[in-house]
C-alpha atoms as a PDB file:
ATOM      1  CA  MET A   1     128.141 -21.339  -3.148  1.00  0.00           C
ATOM      2  CA  PHE A   2     126.109 -18.183  -2.709  1.00  0.00           C
ATOM      3  CA  LYS A   3     124.027 -19.872  -0.056  1.00  0.00           C
ATOM      4  CA  GLU A   4     127.101 -20.733   1.975  1.00  0.00           C
ATOM      5  CA  LEU A   5     128.466 -17.219   1.664  1.00  0.00           C
ATOM      6  CA  PHE A   6     125.146 -15.796   2.742  1.00  0.00           C
ATOM      7  CA  PHE A   7     125.007 -18.165   5.710  1.00  0.00           C
ATOM      8  CA  VAL A   8     128.514 -17.217   6.827  1.00  0.00           C
ATOM      9  CA  LYS A   9     127.711 -13.538   6.421  1.00  0.00           C
ATOM     10  CA  GLU A  10     124.574 -13.917   8.524  1.00  0.00           C
ATOM     11  CA  LYS A  11     126.514 -15.798  11.179  1.00  0.00           C
ATOM     12  CA  ILE A  12     129.192 -13.099  11.344  1.00  0.00           C
ATOM     13  CA  LEU A  13     126.570 -10.365  11.432  1.00  0.00           C
ATOM     14  CA  SER A  14     124.708 -12.018  14.284  1.00  0.00           C
ATOM     15  CA  LEU A  15     127.948 -12.507  16.193  1.00  0.00           C
ATOM     16  CA  PHE A  16     128.871  -8.885  15.595  1.00  0.00           C
ATOM     17  CA  ASN A  17     125.441  -7.748  16.775  1.00  0.00           C
ATOM     18  CA  GLN A  18     125.743  -9.857  19.917  1.00  0.00           C
ATOM     19  CA  THR A  19     129.156  -8.469  20.822  1.00  0.00           C
ATOM     20  CA  ARG A  20     128.100  -4.933  19.999  1.00  0.00           C
ATOM     21  CA  THR A  21     124.999  -5.244  22.162  1.00  0.00           C
ATOM     22  CA  SER A  22     126.918  -6.700  25.095  1.00  0.00           C
ATOM     23  CA  THR A  23     129.526  -3.970  24.743  1.00  0.00           C
ATOM     24  CA  MET A  24     126.821  -1.308  24.819  1.00  0.00           C
ATOM     25  CA  VAL A  25     125.349  -2.903  27.919  1.00  0.00           C
ATOM     26  CA  GLU A  26     128.748  -2.914  29.605  1.00  0.00           C
ATOM     27  CA  VAL A  27     129.263   0.742  28.746  1.00  0.00           C
ATOM     28  CA  LEU A  28     125.829   1.612  30.110  1.00  0.00           C
ATOM     29  CA  TYR A  29     126.528  -0.264  33.328  1.00  0.00           C
ATOM     30  CA  SER A  30     129.873   1.455  33.751  1.00  0.00           C
ATOM     31  CA  LEU A  31     128.145   4.819  33.327  1.00  0.00           C
ATOM     32  CA  ILE A  32     125.609   4.082  36.046  1.00  0.00           C
END
């Protein structure tokens, strides 16, 4: 149970990090 929750949390965190990074890149490109 805890393992599954942890796995899901990690998955969501990684997805969030990916989207956040890509968003930052887009913002940087729009600034240039």
